PDB file of N, CA and C in Angstrom:
ATOM      1  N   MET A   1      10.265 -24.919   6.773  1.00  0.00           N
ATOM      2  CA  MET A   1       9.478 -23.969   6.018  1.00  0.00           C
ATOM      3  C   MET A   1       8.031 -24.106   6.450  1.00  0.00           C
ATOM      4  N   SER A   2       7.356 -23.007   6.555  1.00  0.00           N
ATOM      5  CA  SER A   2       5.958 -23.036   6.969  1.00  0.00           C
ATOM      6  C   SER A   2       5.085 -23.608   5.858  1.00  0.00           C
ATOM      7  N   ALA A   3       3.873 -23.995   6.238  1.00  0.00           N
ATOM      8  CA  ALA A   3       2.942 -24.566   5.265  1.00  0.00           C
ATOM      9  C   ALA A   3       2.598 -23.565   4.171  1.00  0.00           C
ATOM     10  N   SER A   4       2.381 -22.303   4.542  1.00  0.00           N
ATOM     11  CA  SER A   4       2.029 -21.315   3.521  1.00  0.00           C
ATOM     12  C   SER A   4       3.200 -21.028   2.593  1.00  0.00           C
ATOM     13  N   ALA A   5       4.427 -21.045   3.110  1.00  0.00           N
ATOM     14  CA  ALA A   5       5.590 -20.826   2.257  1.00  0.00           C
ATOM     15  C   ALA A   5       5.767 -21.994   1.299  1.00  0.00           C
ATOM     16  N   ALA A   6       5.550 -23.208   1.774  1.00  0.00           N
ATOM     17  CA  ALA A   6       5.656 -24.379   0.909  1.00  0.00           C
ATOM     18  C   ALA A   6       4.579 -24.352  -0.161  1.00  0.00           C
ATOM     19  N   ALA A   7       3.369 -23.977   0.198  1.00  0.00           N
ATOM     20  CA  ALA A   7       2.273 -23.912  -0.763  1.00  0.00           C
ATOM     21  C   ALA A   7       2.537 -22.841  -1.817  1.00  0.00           C
ATOM     22  N   ALA A   8       3.172 -21.760  -1.438  1.00  0.00           N
ATOM     23  CA  ALA A   8       3.445 -20.672  -2.368  1.00  0.00           C
ATOM     24  C   ALA A   8       4.379 -21.109  -3.489  1.00  0.00           C
ATOM     25  N   GLN A   9       5.169 -22.134  -3.287  1.00  0.00           N
ATOM     26  CA  GLN A   9       6.073 -22.617  -4.316  1.00  0.00           C
ATOM     27  C   GLN A   9       5.316 -23.190  -5.511  1.00  0.00           C
ATOM     28  N   ASP A  10       4.080 -23.572  -5.343  1.00  0.00           N
ATOM     29  CA  ASP A  10       3.295 -24.199  -6.395  1.00  0.00           C
ATOM     30  C   ASP A  10       2.352 -23.236  -7.097  1.00  0.00           C
ATOM     31  N   VAL A  11       2.500 -21.949  -6.861  1.00  0.00           N
ATOM     32  CA  VAL A  11       1.573 -20.958  -7.398  1.00  0.00           C
ATOM     33  C   VAL A  11       2.263 -20.159  -8.498  1.00  0.00           C
ATOM     34  N   ASP A  12       1.592 -20.031  -9.632  1.00  0.00           N
ATOM     35  CA  ASP A  12       2.086 -19.156 -10.693  1.00  0.00           C
ATOM     36  C   ASP A  12       1.689 -17.729 -10.358  1.00  0.00           C
ATOM     37  N   PHE A  13       2.521 -16.780 -10.745  1.00  0.00           N
ATOM     38  CA  PHE A  13       2.195 -15.386 -10.495  1.00  0.00           C
ATOM     39  C   PHE A  13       2.820 -14.511 -11.570  1.00  0.00           C
ATOM     40  N   LEU A  14       2.214 -13.374 -11.775  1.00  0.00           N
ATOM     41  CA  LEU A  14       2.675 -12.416 -12.768  1.00  0.00           C
ATOM     42  C   LEU A  14       3.837 -11.610 -12.197  1.00  0.00           C
ATOM     43  N   VAL A  15       4.867 -11.425 -13.005  1.00  0.00           N
ATOM     44  CA  VAL A  15       5.992 -10.568 -12.632  1.00  0.00           C
ATOM     45  C   VAL A  15       6.136  -9.522 -13.728  1.00  0.00           C
ATOM     46  N   PHE A  16       6.018  -8.272 -13.348  1.00  0.00           N
ATOM     47  CA  PHE A  16       6.229  -7.198 -14.315  1.00  0.00           C
ATOM     48  C   PHE A  16       7.688  -7.189 -14.757  1.00  0.00           C
ATOM     49  N   GLU A  17       7.913  -6.836 -16.005  1.00  0.00           N
ATOM     50  CA  GLU A  17       9.255  -6.860 -16.576  1.00  0.00           C
ATOM     51  C   GLU A  17      10.254  -6.057 -15.738  1.00  0.00           C
ATOM     52  N   ASP A  18       9.821  -4.923 -15.189  1.00  0.00           N
ATOM     53  CA  ASP A  18      10.704  -4.086 -14.372  1.00  0.00           C
ATOM     54  C   ASP A  18      11.178  -4.798 -13.111  1.00  0.00           C
ATOM     55  N   ASN A  19      10.442  -5.808 -12.677  1.00  0.00           N
ATOM     56  CA  ASN A  19      10.779  -6.523 -11.446  1.00  0.00           C
ATOM     57  C   ASN A  19      11.435  -7.877 -11.702  1.00  0.00           C
ATOM     58  N   TRP A  20      11.572  -8.251 -12.966  1.00  0.00           N
ATOM     59  CA  TRP A  20      12.048  -9.599 -13.293  1.00  0.00           C
ATOM     60  C   TRP A  20      13.431  -9.878 -12.704  1.00  0.00           C
ATOM     61  N   GLN A  21      14.355  -8.952 -12.847  1.00  0.00           N
ATOM     62  CA  GLN A  21      15.716  -9.175 -12.334  1.00  0.00           C
ATOM     63  C   GLN A  21      15.705  -9.365 -10.815  1.00  0.00           C
ATOM     64  N   ALA A  22      14.910  -8.586 -10.108  1.00  0.00           N
ATOM     65  CA  ALA A  22      14.832  -8.717  -8.657  1.00  0.00           C
ATOM     66  C   ALA A  22      14.267 -10.078  -8.262  1.00  0.00           C
ATOM     67  N   VAL A  23      13.230 -10.523  -8.952  1.00  0.00           N
ATOM     68  CA  VAL A  23      12.628 -11.822  -8.637  1.00  0.00           C
ATOM     69  C   VAL A  23      13.617 -12.947  -8.923  1.00  0.00           C
ATOM     70  N   CYS A  24      14.297 -12.897 -10.056  1.00  0.00           N
ATOM     71  CA  CYS A  24      15.274 -13.933 -10.387  1.00  0.00           C
ATOM     72  C   CYS A  24      16.422 -13.962  -9.380  1.00  0.00           C
ATOM     73  N   THR A  25      16.888 -12.787  -8.983  1.00  0.00           N
ATOM     74  CA  THR A  25      17.983 -12.714  -8.002  1.00  0.00           C
ATOM     75  C   THR A  25      17.513 -13.217  -6.644  1.00  0.00           C
ATOM     76  N   PHE A  26      16.309 -12.845  -6.231  1.00  0.00           N
ATOM     77  CA  PHE A  26      15.749 -13.315  -4.962  1.00  0.00           C
ATOM     78  C   PHE A  26      15.653 -14.843  -4.967  1.00  0.00           C
ATOM     79  N   CYS A  27      15.208 -15.407  -6.071  1.00  0.00           N
ATOM     80  CA  CYS A  27      15.118 -16.872  -6.178  1.00  0.00           C
ATOM     81  C   CYS A  27      16.500 -17.514  -6.133  1.00  0.00           C
ATOM     82  N   ALA A  28      17.492 -16.872  -6.744  1.00  0.00           N
ATOM     83  CA  ALA A  28      18.854 -17.390  -6.719  1.00  0.00           C
ATOM     84  C   ALA A  28      19.440 -17.387  -5.308  1.00  0.00           C
ATOM     85  N   LEU A  29      18.894 -16.537  -4.446  1.00  0.00           N
ATOM     86  CA  LEU A  29      19.348 -16.451  -3.047  1.00  0.00           C
ATOM     87  C   LEU A  29      18.538 -17.362  -2.121  1.00  0.00           C
ATOM     88  N   ALA A  30      17.732 -18.237  -2.671  1.00  0.00           N
ATOM     89  CA  ALA A  30      16.810 -19.053  -1.873  1.00  0.00           C
ATOM     90  C   ALA A  30      17.496 -19.872  -0.783  1.00  0.00           C
ATOM     91  N   THR A  31      18.743 -20.254  -0.988  1.00  0.00           N
ATOM     92  CA  THR A  31      19.454 -21.045   0.025  1.00  0.00           C
ATOM     93  C   THR A  31      20.347 -20.182   0.909  1.00  0.00           C
ATOM     94  N   GLN A  32      20.212 -18.876   0.813  1.00  0.00           N
ATOM     95  CA  GLN A  32      21.115 -17.971   1.528  1.00  0.00           C
ATOM     96  C   GLN A  32      20.437 -17.214   2.663  1.00  0.00           C
ATOM     97  N   TRP A  33      19.501 -17.864   3.332  1.00  0.00           N
ATOM     98  CA  TRP A  33      18.829 -17.256   4.483  1.00  0.00           C
ATOM     99  C   TRP A  33      19.602 -17.554   5.749  1.00  0.00           C
ATOM    100  N   LYS A  34      19.711 -16.536   6.617  1.00  0.00           N
ATOM    101  CA  LYS A  34      20.290 -16.745   7.947  1.00  0.00           C
ATOM    102  C   LYS A  34      19.183 -17.241   8.861  1.00  0.00           C
ATOM    103  N   LEU A  35      19.491 -18.280   9.614  1.00  0.00           N
ATOM    104  CA  LEU A  35      18.536 -18.905  10.527  1.00  0.00           C
ATOM    105  C   LEU A  35      19.107 -18.909  11.934  1.00  0.00           C
ATOM    106  N   VAL A  36      18.219 -18.821  12.915  1.00  0.00           N
ATOM    107  CA  VAL A  36      18.594 -18.921  14.324  1.00  0.00           C
ATOM    108  C   VAL A  36      17.756 -20.044  14.919  1.00  0.00           C
ATOM    109  N   ALA A  37      18.416 -20.917  15.656  1.00  0.00           N
ATOM    110  CA  ALA A  37      17.692 -22.013  16.310  1.00  0.00           C
ATOM    111  C   ALA A  37      17.045 -21.491  17.583  1.00  0.00           C
ATOM    112  N   GLY A  38      15.716 -21.640  17.632  1.00  0.00           N
ATOM    113  CA  GLY A  38      14.971 -21.249  18.820  1.00  0.00           C
ATOM    114  C   GLY A  38      14.661 -22.482  19.659  1.00  0.00           C
ATOM    115  N   ALA A  39      13.904 -22.288  20.717  1.00  0.00           N
ATOM    116  CA  ALA A  39      13.554 -23.391  21.612  1.00  0.00           C
ATOM    117  C   ALA A  39      12.763 -24.477  20.903  1.00  0.00           C
ATOM    118  N   ALA A  40      11.858 -24.083  20.012  1.00  0.00           N
ATOM    119  CA  ALA A  40      10.995 -25.070  19.372  1.00  0.00           C
ATOM    120  C   ALA A  40      11.181 -25.160  17.859  1.00  0.00           C
ATOM    121  N   ASP A  41      11.828 -24.185  17.250  1.00  0.00           N
ATOM    122  CA  ASP A  41      11.873 -24.150  15.793  1.00  0.00           C
ATOM    123  C   ASP A  41      13.012 -23.270  15.327  1.00  0.00           C
ATOM    124  N   LEU A  42      13.159 -23.180  14.026  1.00  0.00           N
ATOM    125  CA  LEU A  42      14.127 -22.265  13.437  1.00  0.00           C
ATOM    126  C   LEU A  42      13.448 -20.938  13.131  1.00  0.00           C
ATOM    127  N   LEU A  43      14.197 -19.851  13.245  1.00  0.00           N
ATOM    128  CA  LEU A  43      13.691 -18.521  12.956  1.00  0.00           C
ATOM    129  C   LEU A  43      14.517 -17.928  11.815  1.00  0.00           C
ATOM    130  N   TYR A  44      13.836 -17.543  10.757  1.00  0.00           N
ATOM    131  CA  TYR A  44      14.500 -16.850   9.655  1.00  0.00           C
ATOM    132  C   TYR A  44      14.738 -15.406  10.091  1.00  0.00           C
ATOM    133  N   VAL A  45      15.989 -14.933   9.976  1.00  0.00           N
ATOM    134  CA  VAL A  45      16.294 -13.567  10.391  1.00  0.00           C
ATOM    135  C   VAL A  45      16.622 -12.648   9.217  1.00  0.00           C
ATOM    136  N   GLY A  46      16.896 -13.198   8.066  1.00  0.00           N
ATOM    137  CA  GLY A  46      17.161 -12.375   6.892  1.00  0.00           C
ATOM    138  C   GLY A  46      18.107 -13.060   5.936  1.00  0.00           C
ATOM    139  N   LEU A  47      18.294 -12.429   4.799  1.00  0.00           N
ATOM    140  CA  LEU A  47      19.227 -12.947   3.805  1.00  0.00           C
ATOM    141  C   LEU A  47      20.665 -12.728   4.261  1.00  0.00           C
ATOM    142  N   ASP A  48      21.546 -13.595   3.804  1.00  0.00           N
ATOM    143  CA  ASP A  48      22.968 -13.417   4.045  1.00  0.00           C
ATOM    144  C   ASP A  48      23.466 -12.394   3.025  1.00  0.00           C
ATOM    145  N   TYR A  49      23.626 -11.170   3.468  1.00  0.00           N
ATOM    146  CA  TYR A  49      24.001 -10.092   2.544  1.00  0.00           C
ATOM    147  C   TYR A  49      25.359 -10.338   1.896  1.00  0.00           C
ATOM    148  N   GLY A  50      26.212 -11.114   2.534  1.00  0.00           N
ATOM    149  CA  GLY A  50      27.509 -11.439   1.944  1.00  0.00           C
ATOM    150  C   GLY A  50      27.388 -12.255   0.667  1.00  0.00           C
ATOM    151  N   ALA A  51      26.296 -12.972   0.499  1.00  0.00           N
ATOM    152  CA  ALA A  51      26.091 -13.800  -0.692  1.00  0.00           C
ATOM    153  C   ALA A  51      25.536 -13.005  -1.865  1.00  0.00           C
ATOM    154  N   ILE A  52      24.999 -11.838  -1.599  1.00  0.00           N
ATOM    155  CA  ILE A  52      24.317 -11.085  -2.659  1.00  0.00           C
ATOM    156  C   ILE A  52      25.283 -10.654  -3.762  1.00  0.00           C
ATOM    157  N   GLU A  53      26.449 -10.145  -3.397  1.00  0.00           N
ATOM    158  CA  GLU A  53      27.393  -9.709  -4.435  1.00  0.00           C
ATOM    159  C   GLU A  53      27.815 -10.884  -5.310  1.00  0.00           C
ATOM    160  N   MET A  54      28.011 -12.050  -4.716  1.00  0.00           N
ATOM    161  CA  MET A  54      28.385 -13.237  -5.489  1.00  0.00           C
ATOM    162  C   MET A  54      27.304 -13.564  -6.519  1.00  0.00           C
ATOM    163  N   VAL A  55      26.040 -13.498  -6.106  1.00  0.00           N
ATOM    164  CA  VAL A  55      24.937 -13.767  -7.030  1.00  0.00           C
ATOM    165  C   VAL A  55      24.889 -12.694  -8.121  1.00  0.00           C
ATOM    166  N   PHE A  56      25.081 -11.444  -7.744  1.00  0.00           N
ATOM    167  CA  PHE A  56      25.118 -10.375  -8.748  1.00  0.00           C
ATOM    168  C   PHE A  56      26.174 -10.687  -9.809  1.00  0.00           C
ATOM    169  N   ARG A  57      27.347 -11.094  -9.353  1.00  0.00           N
ATOM    170  CA  ARG A  57      28.441 -11.372 -10.286  1.00  0.00           C
ATOM    171  C   ARG A  57      28.140 -12.605 -11.142  1.00  0.00           C
ATOM    172  N   LEU A  58      27.665 -13.669 -10.526  1.00  0.00           N
ATOM    173  CA  LEU A  58      27.378 -14.896 -11.270  1.00  0.00           C
ATOM    174  C   LEU A  58      26.256 -14.699 -12.286  1.00  0.00           C
ATOM    175  N   GLU A  59      25.286 -13.873 -11.929  1.00  0.00           N
ATOM    176  CA  GLU A  59      24.165 -13.596 -12.836  1.00  0.00           C
ATOM    177  C   GLU A  59      24.472 -12.438 -13.785  1.00  0.00           C
ATOM    178  N   GLN A  60      25.693 -11.913 -13.726  1.00  0.00           N
ATOM    179  CA  GLN A  60      26.178 -10.845 -14.599  1.00  0.00           C
ATOM    180  C   GLN A  60      25.270  -9.608 -14.564  1.00  0.00           C
ATOM    181  N   VAL A  61      24.879  -9.241 -13.335  1.00  0.00           N
ATOM    182  CA  VAL A  61      24.092  -8.015 -13.151  1.00  0.00           C
ATOM    183  C   VAL A  61      25.046  -6.825 -13.307  1.00  0.00           C
ATOM    184  N   PRO A  62      24.718  -5.877 -14.173  1.00  0.00           N
ATOM    185  CA  PRO A  62      25.594  -4.709 -14.330  1.00  0.00           C
ATOM    186  C   PRO A  62      25.771  -3.984 -12.985  1.00  0.00           C
ATOM    187  N   ALA A  63      26.993  -3.609 -12.683  1.00  0.00           N
ATOM    188  CA  ALA A  63      27.295  -2.954 -11.408  1.00  0.00           C
ATOM    189  C   ALA A  63      26.444  -1.702 -11.203  1.00  0.00           C
ATOM    190  N   ALA A  64      26.089  -1.032 -12.276  1.00  0.00           N
ATOM    191  CA  ALA A  64      25.261   0.175 -12.169  1.00  0.00           C
ATOM    192  C   ALA A  64      23.872  -0.136 -11.610  1.00  0.00           C
ATOM    193  N   ASP A  65      23.439  -1.401 -11.675  1.00  0.00           N
ATOM    194  CA  ASP A  65      22.110  -1.801 -11.199  1.00  0.00           C
ATOM    195  C   ASP A  65      22.122  -2.345  -9.769  1.00  0.00           C
ATOM    196  N   TRP A  66      23.286  -2.541  -9.196  1.00  0.00           N
ATOM    197  CA  TRP A  66      23.390  -3.205  -7.897  1.00  0.00           C
ATOM    198  C   TRP A  66      22.625  -2.487  -6.792  1.00  0.00           C
ATOM    199  N   ARG A  67      22.774  -1.177  -6.690  1.00  0.00           N
ATOM    200  CA  ARG A  67      22.154  -0.427  -5.594  1.00  0.00           C
ATOM    201  C   ARG A  67      20.626  -0.559  -5.633  1.00  0.00           C
ATOM    202  N   ALA A  68      20.030  -0.350  -6.784  1.00  0.00           N
ATOM    203  CA  ALA A  68      18.576  -0.444  -6.907  1.00  0.00           C
ATOM    204  C   ALA A  68      18.107  -1.876  -6.682  1.00  0.00           C
ATOM    205  N   LEU A  69      18.846  -2.842  -7.200  1.00  0.00           N
ATOM    206  CA  LEU A  69      18.474  -4.246  -7.028  1.00  0.00           C
ATOM    207  C   LEU A  69      18.588  -4.660  -5.564  1.00  0.00           C
ATOM    208  N   PHE A  70      19.609  -4.184  -4.874  1.00  0.00           N
ATOM    209  CA  PHE A  70      19.755  -4.477  -3.443  1.00  0.00           C
ATOM    210  C   PHE A  70      18.556  -3.921  -2.671  1.00  0.00           C
ATOM    211  N   HIS A  71      18.126  -2.718  -3.023  1.00  0.00           N
ATOM    212  CA  HIS A  71      16.942  -2.123  -2.389  1.00  0.00           C
ATOM    213  C   HIS A  71      15.713  -3.012  -2.628  1.00  0.00           C
ATOM    214  N   ASP A  72      15.534  -3.471  -3.855  1.00  0.00           N
ATOM    215  CA  ASP A  72      14.402  -4.351  -4.173  1.00  0.00           C
ATOM    216  C   ASP A  72      14.473  -5.657  -3.377  1.00  0.00           C
ATOM    217  N   LEU A  73      15.669  -6.217  -3.252  1.00  0.00           N
ATOM    218  CA  LEU A  73      15.829  -7.463  -2.489  1.00  0.00           C
ATOM    219  C   LEU A  73      15.478  -7.265  -1.019  1.00  0.00           C
ATOM    220  N   ARG A  74      15.862  -6.123  -0.468  1.00  0.00           N
ATOM    221  CA  ARG A  74      15.532  -5.855   0.929  1.00  0.00           C
ATOM    222  C   ARG A  74      14.028  -5.726   1.137  1.00  0.00           C
ATOM    223  N   LEU A  75      13.337  -5.131   0.164  1.00  0.00           N
ATOM    224  CA  LEU A  75      11.874  -5.056   0.246  1.00  0.00           C
ATOM    225  C   LEU A  75      11.256  -6.444   0.203  1.00  0.00           C
ATOM    226  N   MET A  76      11.751  -7.279  -0.691  1.00  0.00           N
ATOM    227  CA  MET A  76      11.231  -8.643  -0.804  1.00  0.00           C
ATOM    228  C   MET A  76      11.542  -9.447   0.455  1.00  0.00           C
ATOM    229  N   GLU A  77      12.734  -9.259   0.998  1.00  0.00           N
ATOM    230  CA  GLU A  77      13.126  -9.930   2.241  1.00  0.00           C
ATOM    231  C   GLU A  77      12.179  -9.542   3.379  1.00  0.00           C
ATOM    232  N   ARG A  78      11.889  -8.252   3.496  1.00  0.00           N
ATOM    233  CA  ARG A  78      11.017  -7.757   4.555  1.00  0.00           C
ATOM    234  C   ARG A  78       9.618  -8.388   4.455  1.00  0.00           C
ATOM    235  N   GLU A  79       9.122  -8.562   3.240  1.00  0.00           N
ATOM    236  CA  GLU A  79       7.803  -9.164   3.043  1.00  0.00           C
ATOM    237  C   GLU A  79       7.829 -10.681   3.236  1.00  0.00           C
ATOM    238  N   ALA A  80       8.952 -11.307   2.917  1.00  0.00           N
ATOM    239  CA  ALA A  80       9.053 -12.769   3.011  1.00  0.00           C
ATOM    240  C   ALA A  80       9.225 -13.258   4.446  1.00  0.00           C
ATOM    241  N   LEU A  81       9.899 -12.484   5.282  1.00  0.00           N
ATOM    242  CA  LEU A  81      10.199 -12.949   6.647  1.00  0.00           C
ATOM    243  C   LEU A  81       8.966 -13.372   7.441  1.00  0.00           C
ATOM    244  N   PRO A  82       7.893 -12.591   7.482  1.00  0.00           N
ATOM    245  CA  PRO A  82       6.719 -13.033   8.242  1.00  0.00           C
ATOM    246  C   PRO A  82       6.133 -14.344   7.708  1.00  0.00           C
ATOM    247  N   LEU A  83       6.183 -14.526   6.394  1.00  0.00           N
ATOM    248  CA  LEU A  83       5.670 -15.762   5.810  1.00  0.00           C
ATOM    249  C   LEU A  83       6.563 -16.954   6.143  1.00  0.00           C
ATOM    250  N   LEU A  84       7.856 -16.748   6.080  1.00  0.00           N
ATOM    251  CA  LEU A  84       8.792 -17.824   6.391  1.00  0.00           C
ATOM    252  C   LEU A  84       8.725 -18.229   7.857  1.00  0.00           C
ATOM    253  N   ASN A  85       8.428 -17.260   8.719  1.00  0.00           N
ATOM    254  CA  ASN A  85       8.389 -17.536  10.163  1.00  0.00           C
ATOM    255  C   ASN A  85       6.995 -17.869  10.677  1.00  0.00           C
ATOM    256  N   GLU A  86       6.036 -17.945   9.784  1.00  0.00           N
ATOM    257  CA  GLU A  86       4.669 -18.281  10.179  1.00  0.00           C
ATOM    258  C   GLU A  86       4.626 -19.711  10.707  1.00  0.00           C
ATOM    259  N   ARG A  87       3.985 -19.874  11.817  1.00  0.00           N
ATOM    260  CA  ARG A  87       3.857 -21.205  12.432  1.00  0.00           C
ATOM    261  C   ARG A  87       2.426 -21.699  12.238  1.00  0.00           C
ATOM    262  N   SER A  88       2.304 -22.933  11.793  1.00  0.00           N
ATOM    263  CA  SER A  88       0.954 -23.470  11.607  1.00  0.00           C
ATOM    264  C   SER A  88       0.568 -24.388  12.736  1.00  0.00           C
TER     265      SER A  88
END
């Protein structure tokens, strides 16, 4: 994990109620990143989408919310990747 990603774990931040489920689900997927071994380091390539349905079920997310929540997770994934792959 990069230094900035590690530091971000210690920061409190505001989450709007409308985004709470997405943030909780994203955190529940914290160990479900796909990684590729490069010449010098690991590269985060994205979330393991196969794990998302399992988390939805375990967290009892209503099926009617899955599509919108998946969209939110993809947005968060897109923003997280550059931070996770940042080299210090």
